[in-house]
Amino acid sequence: MASKRGLKKSIMRVCGDVAGECFFAKTDYPGIDCDKLDEIICNVALLQVSTIDKVSTKYENTQEVSDKKSARKARNKYFKSYYKSLNTNFIETIEKFIVEMNSLLTPEQKEANKQEA
């Protein structure tokens, strides 16, 4: 991890992109359920806030260690597993929102999107 600041910016960028795609779909695709897209946008905003809050965590030293090297190893191991699980949960939730967005498209629009790609 480079920095917490960079991680927070990445989270905001991804959530902003997903919310932007929802706004784009609302305005450009006829026949799409706007209420469900609004719900997805709200859920993305809540995910962004909660994930950013979780980025700033503290390491609680619960073990008694005699040397600094083993303490540093334990701290690094804790943060590595913590941020890995945070990243996994964030990506899984974003993917769930994307699947929901795609399910709102009409079959005609899905076919048109396949032909454009």
N, C-alpha and C. Protein backbone atom coordinates (compact mmCIF):
# COMPACT_ATOMS: atom_id res chain seq x y z
N MET A 1 0.85 -1.17 0.00
CA MET A 1 0.00 0.00 0.00
C MET A 1 0.89 1.23 0.00
N ALA A 2 0.64 2.13 -0.90
CA ALA A 2 1.44 3.33 -0.99
C ALA A 2 1.11 4.30 0.15
N SER A 3 -0.17 4.63 0.29
CA SER A 3 -0.57 5.52 1.36
C SER A 3 -2.08 5.42 1.58
N LYS A 4 -2.50 5.81 2.77
CA LYS A 4 -3.93 5.82 3.05
C LYS A 4 -4.63 6.87 2.20
N ARG A 5 -3.95 7.96 1.97
CA ARG A 5 -4.52 9.04 1.17
C ARG A 5 -4.80 8.56 -0.25
N GLY A 6 -3.85 7.85 -0.84
CA GLY A 6 -4.04 7.32 -2.19
C GLY A 6 -5.16 6.29 -2.24
N LEU A 7 -5.25 5.47 -1.21
CA LEU A 7 -6.31 4.47 -1.14
C LEU A 7 -7.68 5.14 -1.06
N LYS A 8 -7.78 6.17 -0.25
CA LYS A 8 -9.05 6.89 -0.13
C LYS A 8 -9.43 7.54 -1.45
N LYS A 9 -8.47 8.10 -2.16
CA LYS A 9 -8.74 8.70 -3.47
C LYS A 9 -9.21 7.66 -4.47
N SER A 10 -8.61 6.48 -4.43
CA SER A 10 -9.03 5.40 -5.33
C SER A 10 -10.45 4.95 -5.04
N ILE A 11 -10.78 4.85 -3.77
CA ILE A 11 -12.14 4.46 -3.38
C ILE A 11 -13.14 5.49 -3.89
N MET A 12 -12.82 6.76 -3.70
CA MET A 12 -13.73 7.82 -4.17
C MET A 12 -13.85 7.80 -5.69
N ARG A 13 -12.76 7.53 -6.38
CA ARG A 13 -12.79 7.50 -7.85
C ARG A 13 -13.67 6.36 -8.35
N VAL A 14 -13.52 5.18 -7.78
CA VAL A 14 -14.32 4.03 -8.21
C VAL A 14 -15.79 4.26 -7.92
N CYS A 15 -16.10 4.74 -6.72
CA CYS A 15 -17.50 4.98 -6.38
C CYS A 15 -18.09 6.10 -7.25
N GLY A 16 -17.30 7.11 -7.54
CA GLY A 16 -17.76 8.18 -8.42
C GLY A 16 -18.03 7.69 -9.82
N ASP A 17 -17.19 6.79 -10.31
CA ASP A 17 -17.40 6.22 -11.65
C ASP A 17 -18.70 5.40 -11.71
N VAL A 18 -18.94 4.61 -10.68
CA VAL A 18 -20.17 3.79 -10.67
C VAL A 18 -21.40 4.69 -10.58
N ALA A 19 -21.36 5.71 -9.72
CA ALA A 19 -22.49 6.63 -9.61
C ALA A 19 -22.68 7.40 -10.91
N GLY A 20 -21.59 7.79 -11.55
CA GLY A 20 -21.68 8.49 -12.83
C GLY A 20 -22.31 7.64 -13.92
N GLU A 21 -21.98 6.36 -13.93
CA GLU A 21 -22.60 5.46 -14.91
C GLU A 21 -24.09 5.32 -14.65
N CYS A 22 -24.48 5.36 -13.38
CA CYS A 22 -25.92 5.31 -13.07
C CYS A 22 -26.63 6.56 -13.59
N PHE A 23 -26.02 7.73 -13.38
CA PHE A 23 -26.62 8.96 -13.91
C PHE A 23 -26.69 8.92 -15.44
N PHE A 24 -25.64 8.44 -16.05
CA PHE A 24 -25.61 8.31 -17.50
C PHE A 24 -26.74 7.40 -17.99
N ALA A 25 -26.93 6.28 -17.31
CA ALA A 25 -27.97 5.32 -17.71
C ALA A 25 -29.35 5.94 -17.54
N LYS A 26 -29.53 6.74 -16.49
CA LYS A 26 -30.84 7.37 -16.26
C LYS A 26 -31.20 8.31 -17.39
N THR A 27 -30.22 9.03 -17.89
CA THR A 27 -30.53 10.04 -18.91
C THR A 27 -30.52 9.49 -20.33
N ASP A 28 -29.74 8.46 -20.60
CA ASP A 28 -29.55 8.02 -21.99
C ASP A 28 -30.29 6.74 -22.37
N TYR A 29 -30.72 5.95 -21.43
CA TYR A 29 -31.39 4.70 -21.76
C TYR A 29 -32.87 4.80 -21.43
N PRO A 30 -33.72 4.80 -22.44
CA PRO A 30 -35.16 4.87 -22.17
C PRO A 30 -35.66 3.54 -21.60
N GLY A 31 -36.65 3.63 -20.74
CA GLY A 31 -37.26 2.43 -20.20
C GLY A 31 -36.53 1.81 -19.03
N ILE A 32 -35.56 2.51 -18.47
CA ILE A 32 -34.82 1.96 -17.34
C ILE A 32 -35.47 2.46 -16.04
N ASP A 33 -35.45 1.65 -15.02
CA ASP A 33 -36.07 1.99 -13.74
C ASP A 33 -35.18 2.97 -12.98
N CYS A 34 -35.59 4.24 -12.97
CA CYS A 34 -34.78 5.29 -12.35
C CYS A 34 -34.75 5.17 -10.83
N ASP A 35 -35.83 4.65 -10.24
CA ASP A 35 -35.86 4.52 -8.78
C ASP A 35 -34.82 3.52 -8.30
N LYS A 36 -34.66 2.43 -9.02
CA LYS A 36 -33.65 1.45 -8.64
C LYS A 36 -32.24 2.00 -8.84
N LEU A 37 -32.05 2.80 -9.89
CA LEU A 37 -30.75 3.43 -10.09
C LEU A 37 -30.44 4.42 -8.97
N ASP A 38 -31.47 5.15 -8.53
CA ASP A 38 -31.27 6.06 -7.39
C ASP A 38 -30.89 5.29 -6.13
N GLU A 39 -31.49 4.13 -5.95
CA GLU A 39 -31.16 3.28 -4.80
C GLU A 39 -29.71 2.79 -4.89
N ILE A 40 -29.28 2.42 -6.08
CA ILE A 40 -27.89 1.98 -6.27
C ILE A 40 -26.93 3.13 -5.97
N ILE A 41 -27.28 4.34 -6.43
CA ILE A 41 -26.42 5.50 -6.18
C ILE A 41 -26.29 5.76 -4.68
N CYS A 42 -27.40 5.66 -3.96
CA CYS A 42 -27.35 5.86 -2.50
C CYS A 42 -26.51 4.78 -1.83
N ASN A 43 -26.65 3.54 -2.28
CA ASN A 43 -25.87 2.46 -1.70
C ASN A 43 -24.37 2.62 -1.99
N VAL A 44 -24.05 3.11 -3.18
CA VAL A 44 -22.64 3.36 -3.52
C VAL A 44 -22.08 4.46 -2.62
N ALA A 45 -22.88 5.50 -2.38
CA ALA A 45 -22.42 6.59 -1.50
C ALA A 45 -22.19 6.07 -0.08
N LEU A 46 -23.08 5.23 0.41
CA LEU A 46 -22.91 4.65 1.74
C LEU A 46 -21.68 3.75 1.81
N LEU A 47 -21.47 2.99 0.74
CA LEU A 47 -20.28 2.14 0.67
C LEU A 47 -19.01 2.98 0.70
N GLN A 48 -19.01 4.07 -0.03
CA GLN A 48 -17.84 4.94 -0.07
C GLN A 48 -17.53 5.49 1.32
N VAL A 49 -18.53 5.99 2.00
CA VAL A 49 -18.31 6.57 3.33
C VAL A 49 -17.83 5.52 4.32
N SER A 50 -18.47 4.36 4.31
CA SER A 50 -18.09 3.33 5.28
C SER A 50 -16.71 2.77 5.00
N THR A 51 -16.36 2.60 3.73
CA THR A 51 -15.05 2.06 3.39
C THR A 51 -13.95 3.06 3.72
N ILE A 52 -14.18 4.32 3.44
CA ILE A 52 -13.17 5.34 3.77
C ILE A 52 -12.98 5.42 5.28
N ASP A 53 -14.06 5.28 6.04
CA ASP A 53 -13.92 5.27 7.50
C ASP A 53 -13.09 4.08 7.98
N LYS A 54 -13.21 2.96 7.29
CA LYS A 54 -12.48 1.76 7.69
C LYS A 54 -11.00 1.80 7.31
N VAL A 55 -10.63 2.69 6.38
CA VAL A 55 -9.23 2.77 5.96
C VAL A 55 -8.34 3.20 7.12
N SER A 56 -8.82 4.13 7.91
CA SER A 56 -8.02 4.63 9.03
C SER A 56 -8.28 3.78 10.26
N THR A 57 -7.48 2.77 10.42
CA THR A 57 -7.60 1.87 11.56
C THR A 57 -6.32 1.91 12.36
N LYS A 58 -6.43 1.52 13.60
CA LYS A 58 -5.25 1.48 14.46
C LYS A 58 -4.93 0.04 14.80
N TYR A 59 -3.67 -0.19 15.00
CA TYR A 59 -3.20 -1.51 15.39
C TYR A 59 -3.19 -1.59 16.90
N GLU A 60 -3.96 -2.51 17.43
CA GLU A 60 -4.00 -2.72 18.87
C GLU A 60 -3.04 -3.84 19.21
N ASN A 61 -1.98 -3.50 19.90
CA ASN A 61 -0.98 -4.49 20.27
C ASN A 61 -1.49 -5.29 21.47
N THR A 62 -1.92 -6.49 21.21
CA THR A 62 -2.45 -7.34 22.27
C THR A 62 -1.44 -8.35 22.77
N GLN A 63 -0.32 -8.45 22.08
CA GLN A 63 0.69 -9.43 22.46
C GLN A 63 1.88 -8.73 23.11
N GLU A 64 2.49 -9.43 24.02
CA GLU A 64 3.73 -8.94 24.61
C GLU A 64 4.89 -9.50 23.79
N VAL A 65 5.65 -8.61 23.17
CA VAL A 65 6.79 -9.03 22.37
C VAL A 65 8.05 -8.43 22.98
N SER A 66 9.11 -9.20 22.86
CA SER A 66 10.36 -8.78 23.51
C SER A 66 11.21 -7.90 22.60
N ASP A 67 11.13 -8.07 21.31
CA ASP A 67 11.97 -7.27 20.42
C ASP A 67 11.13 -6.53 19.39
N LYS A 68 11.72 -5.50 18.83
CA LYS A 68 11.00 -4.64 17.89
C LYS A 68 10.74 -5.33 16.56
N LYS A 69 11.62 -6.23 16.18
CA LYS A 69 11.48 -6.90 14.88
C LYS A 69 10.21 -7.75 14.85
N SER A 70 9.96 -8.53 15.88
CA SER A 70 8.76 -9.36 15.90
C SER A 70 7.51 -8.51 16.06
N ALA A 71 7.61 -7.40 16.77
CA ALA A 71 6.47 -6.49 16.89
C ALA A 71 6.12 -5.88 15.54
N ARG A 72 7.14 -5.48 14.78
CA ARG A 72 6.93 -4.90 13.46
C ARG A 72 6.34 -5.94 12.51
N LYS A 73 6.81 -7.18 12.60
CA LYS A 73 6.27 -8.26 11.76
C LYS A 73 4.79 -8.49 12.05
N ALA A 74 4.45 -8.51 13.34
CA ALA A 74 3.05 -8.73 13.72
C ALA A 74 2.18 -7.57 13.24
N ARG A 75 2.67 -6.35 13.36
CA ARG A 75 1.93 -5.18 12.92
C ARG A 75 1.73 -5.21 11.40
N ASN A 76 2.78 -5.51 10.65
CA ASN A 76 2.68 -5.58 9.19
C ASN A 76 1.73 -6.68 8.75
N LYS A 77 1.78 -7.82 9.43
CA LYS A 77 0.89 -8.93 9.10
C LYS A 77 -0.57 -8.54 9.34
N TYR A 78 -0.82 -7.84 10.45
CA TYR A 78 -2.17 -7.39 10.76
C TYR A 78 -2.69 -6.45 9.68
N PHE A 79 -1.89 -5.43 9.32
CA PHE A 79 -2.34 -4.46 8.33
C PHE A 79 -2.50 -5.09 6.95
N LYS A 80 -1.63 -6.01 6.60
CA LYS A 80 -1.74 -6.67 5.30
C LYS A 80 -3.05 -7.45 5.20
N SER A 81 -3.38 -8.21 6.21
CA SER A 81 -4.62 -8.99 6.17
C SER A 81 -5.84 -8.07 6.27
N TYR A 82 -5.74 -7.00 7.05
CA TYR A 82 -6.87 -6.08 7.21
C TYR A 82 -7.19 -5.40 5.88
N TYR A 83 -6.18 -4.85 5.22
CA TYR A 83 -6.42 -4.15 3.96
C TYR A 83 -6.78 -5.10 2.82
N LYS A 84 -6.30 -6.32 2.89
CA LYS A 84 -6.69 -7.30 1.88
C LYS A 84 -8.18 -7.63 2.00
N SER A 85 -8.65 -7.83 3.22
CA SER A 85 -10.08 -8.12 3.42
C SER A 85 -10.93 -6.90 3.09
N LEU A 86 -10.45 -5.70 3.42
CA LEU A 86 -11.16 -4.48 3.08
C LEU A 86 -11.30 -4.34 1.56
N ASN A 87 -10.23 -4.59 0.85
CA ASN A 87 -10.23 -4.52 -0.61
C ASN A 87 -11.16 -5.56 -1.22
N THR A 88 -11.10 -6.77 -0.72
CA THR A 88 -11.95 -7.85 -1.23
C THR A 88 -13.43 -7.52 -1.04
N ASN A 89 -13.79 -7.06 0.15
CA ASN A 89 -15.19 -6.72 0.42
C ASN A 89 -15.65 -5.56 -0.46
N PHE A 90 -14.79 -4.57 -0.64
CA PHE A 90 -15.14 -3.41 -1.46
C PHE A 90 -15.37 -3.82 -2.91
N ILE A 91 -14.48 -4.61 -3.46
CA ILE A 91 -14.60 -5.04 -4.86
C ILE A 91 -15.84 -5.91 -5.06
N GLU A 92 -16.10 -6.82 -4.14
CA GLU A 92 -17.28 -7.68 -4.25
C GLU A 92 -18.56 -6.85 -4.23
N THR A 93 -18.62 -5.84 -3.38
CA THR A 93 -19.82 -5.01 -3.29
C THR A 93 -19.99 -4.17 -4.55
N ILE A 94 -18.91 -3.62 -5.07
CA ILE A 94 -18.98 -2.84 -6.31
C ILE A 94 -19.44 -3.73 -7.46
N GLU A 95 -18.92 -4.93 -7.53
CA GLU A 95 -19.34 -5.86 -8.59
C GLU A 95 -20.82 -6.19 -8.47
N LYS A 96 -21.31 -6.31 -7.25
CA LYS A 96 -22.73 -6.58 -7.03
C LYS A 96 -23.57 -5.42 -7.57
N PHE A 97 -23.12 -4.19 -7.33
CA PHE A 97 -23.85 -3.02 -7.84
C PHE A 97 -23.83 -2.98 -9.36
N ILE A 98 -22.72 -3.36 -9.95
CA ILE A 98 -22.63 -3.36 -11.42
C ILE A 98 -23.57 -4.40 -12.02
N VAL A 99 -23.66 -5.56 -11.38
CA VAL A 99 -24.59 -6.59 -11.86
C VAL A 99 -26.02 -6.08 -11.76
N GLU A 100 -26.34 -5.38 -10.67
CA GLU A 100 -27.68 -4.81 -10.52
C GLU A 100 -27.96 -3.78 -11.61
N MET A 101 -26.96 -2.94 -11.91
CA MET A 101 -27.14 -1.94 -12.96
C MET A 101 -27.39 -2.61 -14.30
N ASN A 102 -26.62 -3.64 -14.61
CA ASN A 102 -26.78 -4.32 -15.89
C ASN A 102 -28.12 -5.04 -16.00
N SER A 103 -28.63 -5.51 -14.87
CA SER A 103 -29.92 -6.21 -14.91
C SER A 103 -31.08 -5.26 -15.20
N LEU A 104 -30.87 -3.97 -15.00
CA LEU A 104 -31.93 -2.99 -15.26
C LEU A 104 -32.05 -2.64 -16.73
N LEU A 105 -31.04 -2.95 -17.52
CA LEU A 105 -31.10 -2.65 -18.95
C LEU A 105 -32.11 -3.53 -19.66
N THR A 106 -32.71 -2.98 -20.69
CA THR A 106 -33.65 -3.76 -21.50
C THR A 106 -32.86 -4.71 -22.39
N PRO A 107 -33.47 -5.82 -22.81
CA PRO A 107 -32.76 -6.75 -23.70
C PRO A 107 -32.30 -6.10 -25.01
N GLU A 108 -33.09 -5.17 -25.54
CA GLU A 108 -32.70 -4.49 -26.77
C GLU A 108 -31.44 -3.66 -26.55
N GLN A 109 -31.36 -2.99 -25.39
CA GLN A 109 -30.19 -2.17 -25.10
C GLN A 109 -28.96 -3.03 -24.86
N LYS A 110 -29.13 -4.18 -24.23
CA LYS A 110 -28.01 -5.10 -24.03
C LYS A 110 -27.45 -5.57 -25.37
N GLU A 111 -28.34 -5.88 -26.29
CA GLU A 111 -27.91 -6.34 -27.61
C GLU A 111 -27.20 -5.21 -28.36
N ALA A 112 -27.72 -3.98 -28.25
CA ALA A 112 -27.08 -2.85 -28.92
C ALA A 112 -25.69 -2.59 -28.32
N ASN A 113 -25.56 -2.76 -27.03
CA ASN A 113 -24.25 -2.56 -26.39
C ASN A 113 -23.25 -3.62 -26.83
N LYS A 114 -23.73 -4.87 -27.03
CA LYS A 114 -22.84 -5.94 -27.50
C LYS A 114 -22.35 -5.65 -28.91
N GLN A 115 -23.23 -5.11 -29.74
CA GLN A 115 -22.84 -4.83 -31.12
C GLN A 115 -21.86 -3.68 -31.20
N GLU A 116 -21.96 -2.72 -30.31
CA GLU A 116 -21.03 -1.58 -30.30
C GLU A 116 -19.64 -1.99 -29.83
N ALA A 117 -19.57 -2.99 -28.97
CA ALA A 117 -18.27 -3.39 -28.40
C ALA A 117 -17.49 -4.22 -29.34
